[in-house]
Amino acid sequence: MRRVKKLSSRTIYILLIIMVVFMLVEFLFFFLGGRAPFEIVYYRSTMEYDYSGNATFTTSAKLYFKDEKKKEEYKINYASASKEELNKYFSQISKEVGREIVPLDYNVRVEDTGGMLEVTETTLLRGAAQVKGDVLDTSMGSLTLNVPGETEIVMKLPEDATVISIFPTPTERENNVLIWRPKEPMRFPSVIFKRVTENEGVSETAE
């Protein structure tokens, strides 16, 4: 059995929502002893890509806590988020997906609304998409999205991009804005796209 390098407790707290984004559910339950102290009631992640392979991930979630003490602990740890710890985490993610993914900027806002915490994280990632010439691929290998509560995954591509292929098929699409509302675990979206060149048509397949 492969040994998993243990992160500090603070790192675990800071990255709970990011962990949901990147589907490392098995790591989450490993670190928390098999049981999370909250329920994810609502989850929305918007991923906006550019042609450099960078993307801004904005994640909003509502976490319901039965234990008031645990809720206060999470508030404190989110408030003391460390960029260094974030870099260490994405170093592990990079190994999982086979390319370097580096957080360039990170902001978090936590609001206490009684029994729930509303958490909004914005992370700018370098290497979020693989770039091969003028073609970009958003896939994250075999990583799979967990589906907590009411889930919506939104991917925004450049407005002038040609979409070559999409997997899985989105629930809804408006031009280059793709939306998934999965009801069960889903592979991280693999979308291959490129910049439109003059006189070039759009060739697209949805698997």
C-alpha atoms as a PDB file:
ATOM      1  CA  MET A   1       0.000   0.000   0.000  1.00  0.00           C
ATOM      2  CA  ARG A   2       1.389   3.378  -1.014  1.00  0.00           C
ATOM      3  CA  ARG A   3       2.295   5.614   1.912  1.00  0.00           C
ATOM      4  CA  VAL A   4       0.738   9.070   1.861  1.00  0.00           C
ATOM      5  CA  LYS A   5       2.835  11.925   3.171  1.00  0.00           C
ATOM      6  CA  LYS A   6       0.976  13.455   6.101  1.00  0.00           C
ATOM      7  CA  LEU A   7       0.228  17.179   5.964  1.00  0.00           C
ATOM      8  CA  SER A   8      -0.066  19.452   8.982  1.00  0.00           C
ATOM      9  CA  SER A   9      -3.526  19.867  10.513  1.00  0.00           C
ATOM     10  CA  ARG A  10      -3.565  23.514   9.455  1.00  0.00           C
ATOM     11  CA  THR A  11      -2.924  22.539   5.840  1.00  0.00           C
ATOM     12  CA  ILE A  12      -5.814  20.091   5.998  1.00  0.00           C
ATOM     13  CA  TYR A  13      -8.201  22.753   7.255  1.00  0.00           C
ATOM     14  CA  ILE A  14      -7.110  25.339   4.693  1.00  0.00           C
ATOM     15  CA  LEU A  15      -7.465  22.993   1.751  1.00  0.00           C
ATOM     16  CA  LEU A  16     -10.746  21.251   2.501  1.00  0.00           C
ATOM     17  CA  ILE A  17     -12.660  23.000  -0.246  1.00  0.00           C
ATOM     18  CA  ILE A  18      -9.774  22.814  -2.692  1.00  0.00           C
ATOM     19  CA  MET A  19      -9.626  19.087  -1.982  1.00  0.00           C
ATOM     20  CA  VAL A  20     -13.249  18.808  -3.062  1.00  0.00           C
ATOM     21  CA  VAL A  21     -12.389  20.673  -6.257  1.00  0.00           C
ATOM     22  CA  PHE A  22      -9.538  18.310  -7.039  1.00  0.00           C
ATOM     23  CA  MET A  23     -11.387  15.150  -6.064  1.00  0.00           C
ATOM     24  CA  LEU A  24      -8.867  13.761  -3.587  1.00  0.00           C
ATOM     25  CA  VAL A  25     -11.660  12.451  -1.438  1.00  0.00           C
ATOM     26  CA  GLU A  26      -9.631   9.464  -0.292  1.00  0.00           C
ATOM     27  CA  PHE A  27      -6.984  11.836   1.123  1.00  0.00           C
ATOM     28  CA  LEU A  28      -9.645  13.905   2.875  1.00  0.00           C
ATOM     29  CA  PHE A  29     -11.121  10.930   4.709  1.00  0.00           C
ATOM     30  CA  PHE A  30      -7.655   9.562   5.484  1.00  0.00           C
ATOM     31  CA  PHE A  31      -6.644  12.767   7.242  1.00  0.00           C
ATOM     32  CA  LEU A  32      -9.939  13.247   9.068  1.00  0.00           C
ATOM     33  CA  GLY A  33     -10.098   9.693  10.388  1.00  0.00           C
ATOM     34  CA  GLY A  34     -12.847   8.656   8.018  1.00  0.00           C
ATOM     35  CA  ARG A  35     -15.484  11.205   8.988  1.00  0.00           C
ATOM     36  CA  ALA A  36     -15.760  14.885   8.098  1.00  0.00           C
ATOM     37  CA  PRO A  37     -17.146  17.142  10.880  1.00  0.00           C
ATOM     38  CA  PHE A  38     -19.399  18.995   8.439  1.00  0.00           C
ATOM     39  CA  GLU A  39     -21.892  18.439   5.651  1.00  0.00           C
ATOM     40  CA  ILE A  40     -21.435  20.233   2.339  1.00  0.00           C
ATOM     41  CA  VAL A  41     -24.913  21.597   1.632  1.00  0.00           C
ATOM     42  CA  TYR A  42     -24.068  23.601  -1.490  1.00  0.00           C
ATOM     43  CA  TYR A  43     -21.020  23.584  -3.752  1.00  0.00           C
ATOM     44  CA  ARG A  44     -20.231  25.608  -6.864  1.00  0.00           C
ATOM     45  CA  SER A  45     -16.900  25.798  -8.632  1.00  0.00           C
ATOM     46  CA  THR A  46     -16.235  28.130 -11.564  1.00  0.00           C
ATOM     47  CA  MET A  47     -13.062  27.538 -13.565  1.00  0.00           C
ATOM     48  CA  GLU A  48     -12.102  30.257 -16.051  1.00  0.00           C
ATOM     49  CA  TYR A  49      -9.277  29.367 -18.476  1.00  0.00           C
ATOM     50  CA  ASP A  50      -7.057  31.417 -20.765  1.00  0.00           C
ATOM     51  CA  TYR A  51      -4.764  30.426 -23.634  1.00  0.00           C
ATOM     52  CA  SER A  52      -1.639  30.305 -21.466  1.00  0.00           C
ATOM     53  CA  GLY A  53      -2.940  27.278 -19.555  1.00  0.00           C
ATOM     54  CA  ASN A  54      -3.696  29.351 -16.466  1.00  0.00           C
ATOM     55  CA  ALA A  55      -7.118  29.329 -14.835  1.00  0.00           C
ATOM     56  CA  THR A  56      -8.906  31.101 -12.018  1.00  0.00           C
ATOM     57  CA  PHE A  57     -10.868  28.712  -9.802  1.00  0.00           C
ATOM     58  CA  THR A  58     -13.599  30.332  -7.707  1.00  0.00           C
ATOM     59  CA  THR A  59     -15.225  27.939  -5.282  1.00  0.00           C
ATOM     60  CA  SER A  60     -18.238  28.682  -3.092  1.00  0.00           C
ATOM     61  CA  ALA A  61     -19.548  26.237  -0.518  1.00  0.00           C
ATOM     62  CA  LYS A  62     -21.919  26.137   2.418  1.00  0.00           C
ATOM     63  CA  LEU A  63     -20.722  23.874   5.233  1.00  0.00           C
ATOM     64  CA  TYR A  64     -23.134  22.753   7.930  1.00  0.00           C
ATOM     65  CA  PHE A  65     -21.593  21.966  11.338  1.00  0.00           C
ATOM     66  CA  LYS A  66     -23.351  20.143  14.142  1.00  0.00           C
ATOM     67  CA  ASP A  67     -20.449  20.892  16.488  1.00  0.00           C
ATOM     68  CA  GLU A  68     -20.044  24.624  17.209  1.00  0.00           C
ATOM     69  CA  LYS A  69     -16.486  24.061  18.467  1.00  0.00           C
ATOM     70  CA  LYS A  70     -15.435  22.453  15.183  1.00  0.00           C
ATOM     71  CA  LYS A  71     -16.962  25.315  13.256  1.00  0.00           C
ATOM     72  CA  GLU A  72     -14.927  27.857  15.244  1.00  0.00           C
ATOM     73  CA  GLU A  73     -11.743  25.837  14.644  1.00  0.00           C
ATOM     74  CA  TYR A  74     -12.346  25.905  10.896  1.00  0.00           C
ATOM     75  CA  LYS A  75     -12.929  29.674  10.943  1.00  0.00           C
ATOM     76  CA  ILE A  76      -9.614  30.257  12.725  1.00  0.00           C
ATOM     77  CA  ASN A  77      -7.634  27.991  10.409  1.00  0.00           C
ATOM     78  CA  TYR A  78      -9.076  29.448   7.231  1.00  0.00           C
ATOM     79  CA  ALA A  79      -8.215  32.921   8.506  1.00  0.00           C
ATOM     80  CA  SER A  80      -4.560  31.902   8.899  1.00  0.00           C
ATOM     81  CA  ALA A  81      -4.205  30.390   5.429  1.00  0.00           C
ATOM     82  CA  SER A  82      -0.576  30.017   4.357  1.00  0.00           C
ATOM     83  CA  LYS A  83       0.637  30.390   0.752  1.00  0.00           C
ATOM     84  CA  GLU A  84       3.587  28.119   1.565  1.00  0.00           C
ATOM     85  CA  GLU A  85       1.245  25.326   2.684  1.00  0.00           C
ATOM     86  CA  LEU A  86      -0.868  25.835  -0.442  1.00  0.00           C
ATOM     87  CA  ASN A  87       2.248  25.413  -2.604  1.00  0.00           C
ATOM     88  CA  LYS A  88       3.106  22.159  -0.830  1.00  0.00           C
ATOM     89  CA  TYR A  89      -0.383  20.832  -1.475  1.00  0.00           C
ATOM     90  CA  PHE A  90      -0.315  21.625  -5.186  1.00  0.00           C
ATOM     91  CA  SER A  91       3.095  20.008  -5.428  1.00  0.00           C
ATOM     92  CA  GLN A  92       1.310  16.775  -4.480  1.00  0.00           C
ATOM     93  CA  ILE A  93      -1.497  17.475  -6.947  1.00  0.00           C
ATOM     94  CA  SER A  94       1.097  17.992  -9.705  1.00  0.00           C
ATOM     95  CA  LYS A  95       2.474  14.514  -9.086  1.00  0.00           C
ATOM     96  CA  GLU A  96      -1.022  13.039  -9.315  1.00  0.00           C
ATOM     97  CA  VAL A  97      -1.853  14.640 -12.697  1.00  0.00           C
ATOM     98  CA  GLY A  98       1.620  14.529 -14.249  1.00  0.00           C
ATOM     99  CA  ARG A  99       2.208  18.245 -14.817  1.00  0.00           C
ATOM    100  CA  GLU A 100       3.242  21.205 -12.698  1.00  0.00           C
ATOM    101  CA  ILE A 101       0.302  23.145 -11.240  1.00  0.00           C
ATOM    102  CA  VAL A 102       1.326  26.208  -9.244  1.00  0.00           C
ATOM    103  CA  PRO A 103      -0.944  28.585  -7.254  1.00  0.00           C
ATOM    104  CA  LEU A 104      -0.042  32.162  -8.194  1.00  0.00           C
ATOM    105  CA  ASP A 105      -2.645  33.849  -6.007  1.00  0.00           C
ATOM    106  CA  TYR A 106      -5.067  32.730  -3.300  1.00  0.00           C
ATOM    107  CA  ASN A 107      -7.859  34.523  -1.457  1.00  0.00           C
ATOM    108  CA  VAL A 108     -10.481  33.171   0.922  1.00  0.00           C
ATOM    109  CA  ARG A 109     -13.573  34.693   2.524  1.00  0.00           C
ATOM    110  CA  VAL A 110     -15.444  32.951   5.345  1.00  0.00           C
ATOM    111  CA  GLU A 111     -18.827  34.101   6.622  1.00  0.00           C
ATOM    112  CA  ASP A 112     -20.598  32.617   9.627  1.00  0.00           C
ATOM    113  CA  THR A 113     -24.340  32.328   9.043  1.00  0.00           C
ATOM    114  CA  GLY A 114     -25.479  30.625  12.200  1.00  0.00           C
ATOM    115  CA  GLY A 115     -25.071  26.871  11.848  1.00  0.00           C
ATOM    116  CA  MET A 116     -23.253  27.159   8.518  1.00  0.00           C
ATOM    117  CA  LEU A 117     -20.017  28.575   7.193  1.00  0.00           C
ATOM    118  CA  GLU A 118     -20.118  30.112   3.731  1.00  0.00           C
ATOM    119  CA  VAL A 119     -16.652  29.760   2.241  1.00  0.00           C
ATOM    120  CA  THR A 120     -15.520  31.428  -0.989  1.00  0.00           C
ATOM    121  CA  GLU A 121     -12.037  30.688  -2.314  1.00  0.00           C
ATOM    122  CA  THR A 122     -10.397  32.186  -5.391  1.00  0.00           C
ATOM    123  CA  THR A 123      -7.189  30.610  -6.658  1.00  0.00           C
ATOM    124  CA  LEU A 124      -5.191  31.529  -9.759  1.00  0.00           C
ATOM    125  CA  LEU A 125      -3.406  28.420 -11.024  1.00  0.00           C
ATOM    126  CA  ARG A 126      -0.557  28.169 -13.510  1.00  0.00           C
ATOM    127  CA  GLY A 127      -0.645  24.912 -15.445  1.00  0.00           C
ATOM    128  CA  ALA A 128      -4.337  24.252 -14.860  1.00  0.00           C
ATOM    129  CA  ALA A 129      -4.521  23.144 -18.498  1.00  0.00           C
ATOM    130  CA  GLN A 130      -1.915  21.252 -20.479  1.00  0.00           C
ATOM    131  CA  VAL A 131      -0.634  23.257 -23.468  1.00  0.00           C
ATOM    132  CA  LYS A 132       0.590  21.552 -26.627  1.00  0.00           C
ATOM    133  CA  GLY A 133       1.257  24.141 -29.292  1.00  0.00           C
ATOM    134  CA  ASP A 134      -2.015  26.005 -29.775  1.00  0.00           C
ATOM    135  CA  VAL A 135      -4.141  23.225 -28.245  1.00  0.00           C
ATOM    136  CA  LEU A 136      -5.102  23.133 -24.548  1.00  0.00           C
ATOM    137  CA  ASP A 137      -6.451  20.229 -22.508  1.00  0.00           C
ATOM    138  CA  THR A 138      -8.109  20.733 -19.101  1.00  0.00           C
ATOM    139  CA  SER A 139      -8.048  17.056 -18.068  1.00  0.00           C
ATOM    140  CA  MET A 140      -6.705  16.028 -14.654  1.00  0.00           C
ATOM    141  CA  GLY A 141      -5.921  12.388 -15.357  1.00  0.00           C
ATOM    142  CA  SER A 142      -8.028   9.923 -13.398  1.00  0.00           C
ATOM    143  CA  LEU A 143      -9.054  12.383 -10.680  1.00  0.00           C
ATOM    144  CA  THR A 144     -12.781  12.246 -10.003  1.00  0.00           C
ATOM    145  CA  LEU A 145     -15.129  14.911  -8.667  1.00  0.00           C
ATOM    146  CA  ASN A 146     -17.047  14.096  -5.538  1.00  0.00           C
ATOM    147  CA  VAL A 147     -20.674  15.254  -5.498  1.00  0.00           C
ATOM    148  CA  PRO A 148     -21.518  16.955  -2.198  1.00  0.00           C
ATOM    149  CA  GLY A 149     -25.045  18.284  -1.698  1.00  0.00           C
ATOM    150  CA  GLU A 150     -26.219  20.597  -4.474  1.00  0.00           C
ATOM    151  CA  THR A 151     -23.280  20.703  -6.882  1.00  0.00           C
ATOM    152  CA  GLU A 152     -22.602  22.846  -9.935  1.00  0.00           C
ATOM    153  CA  ILE A 153     -19.346  22.836 -11.914  1.00  0.00           C
ATOM    154  CA  VAL A 154     -18.873  25.691 -14.399  1.00  0.00           C
ATOM    155  CA  MET A 155     -16.069  25.903 -16.939  1.00  0.00           C
ATOM    156  CA  LYS A 156     -15.520  29.134 -18.877  1.00  0.00           C
ATOM    157  CA  LEU A 157     -13.319  29.015 -21.968  1.00  0.00           C
ATOM    158  CA  PRO A 158     -12.100  32.027 -23.960  1.00  0.00           C
ATOM    159  CA  GLU A 159     -15.000  33.441 -25.985  1.00  0.00           C
ATOM    160  CA  ASP A 160     -13.171  32.995 -29.295  1.00  0.00           C
ATOM    161  CA  ALA A 161     -11.959  29.441 -28.586  1.00  0.00           C
ATOM    162  CA  THR A 162     -12.708  26.495 -30.849  1.00  0.00           C
ATOM    163  CA  VAL A 163     -13.908  23.555 -28.749  1.00  0.00           C
ATOM    164  CA  ILE A 164     -12.531  20.273 -30.098  1.00  0.00           C
ATOM    165  CA  SER A 165     -13.935  17.802 -27.575  1.00  0.00           C
ATOM    166  CA  ILE A 166     -15.766  17.662 -24.225  1.00  0.00           C
ATOM    167  CA  PHE A 167     -16.006  14.829 -21.713  1.00  0.00           C
ATOM    168  CA  PRO A 168     -18.288  14.244 -19.956  1.00  0.00           C
ATOM    169  CA  THR A 169     -21.150  15.891 -21.803  1.00  0.00           C
ATOM    170  CA  PRO A 170     -22.224  19.020 -19.889  1.00  0.00           C
ATOM    171  CA  THR A 171     -25.711  19.384 -18.452  1.00  0.00           C
ATOM    172  CA  GLU A 172     -25.986  22.812 -20.027  1.00  0.00           C
ATOM    173  CA  ARG A 173     -23.951  24.853 -22.468  1.00  0.00           C
ATOM    174  CA  GLU A 174     -24.087  28.466 -23.634  1.00  0.00           C
ATOM    175  CA  ASN A 175     -21.395  29.050 -26.242  1.00  0.00           C
ATOM    176  CA  ASN A 176     -18.101  28.446 -24.406  1.00  0.00           C
ATOM    177  CA  VAL A 177     -19.593  28.305 -20.915  1.00  0.00           C
ATOM    178  CA  LEU A 178     -20.057  24.666 -19.876  1.00  0.00           C
ATOM    179  CA  ILE A 179     -22.092  23.612 -16.838  1.00  0.00           C
ATOM    180  CA  TRP A 180     -22.281  20.238 -15.109  1.00  0.00           C
ATOM    181  CA  ARG A 181     -24.736  19.363 -12.333  1.00  0.00           C
ATOM    182  CA  PRO A 182     -23.639  15.821 -11.505  1.00  0.00           C
ATOM    183  CA  LYS A 183     -25.707  13.487  -9.360  1.00  0.00           C
ATOM    184  CA  GLU A 184     -22.877  11.007  -8.850  1.00  0.00           C
ATOM    185  CA  PRO A 185     -19.051  11.111  -8.849  1.00  0.00           C
ATOM    186  CA  MET A 186     -17.775  12.545 -12.139  1.00  0.00           C
ATOM    187  CA  ARG A 187     -14.387  12.587 -13.837  1.00  0.00           C
ATOM    188  CA  PHE A 188     -12.833  16.060 -13.817  1.00  0.00           C
ATOM    189  CA  PRO A 189     -13.948  17.632 -17.127  1.00  0.00           C
ATOM    190  CA  SER A 190     -11.607  17.024 -20.035  1.00  0.00           C
ATOM    191  CA  VAL A 191     -12.131  19.810 -22.532  1.00  0.00           C
ATOM    192  CA  ILE A 192      -9.767  20.247 -25.463  1.00  0.00           C
ATOM    193  CA  PHE A 193      -9.848  23.643 -27.130  1.00  0.00           C
ATOM    194  CA  LYS A 194      -7.755  25.966 -29.279  1.00  0.00           C
ATOM    195  CA  ARG A 195      -7.728  29.544 -30.482  1.00  0.00           C
ATOM    196  CA  VAL A 196      -9.852  30.165 -33.573  1.00  0.00           C
ATOM    197  CA  THR A 197      -7.785  31.061 -36.616  1.00  0.00           C
ATOM    198  CA  GLU A 198      -9.034  32.898 -39.671  1.00  0.00           C
ATOM    199  CA  ASN A 199     -11.190  30.785 -41.971  1.00  0.00           C
ATOM    200  CA  GLU A 200     -11.111  27.891 -39.498  1.00  0.00           C
ATOM    201  CA  GLY A 201     -14.353  26.120 -38.663  1.00  0.00           C
ATOM    202  CA  VAL A 202     -15.381  24.615 -35.370  1.00  0.00           C
ATOM    203  CA  SER A 203     -14.843  20.891 -34.999  1.00  0.00           C
ATOM    204  CA  GLU A 204     -16.398  19.507 -31.855  1.00  0.00           C
ATOM    205  CA  THR A 205     -17.235  16.172 -30.312  1.00  0.00           C
ATOM    206  CA  ALA A 206     -18.951  15.462 -27.006  1.00  0.00           C
ATOM    207  CA  GLU A 207     -18.180  12.004 -25.699  1.00  0.00           C
END
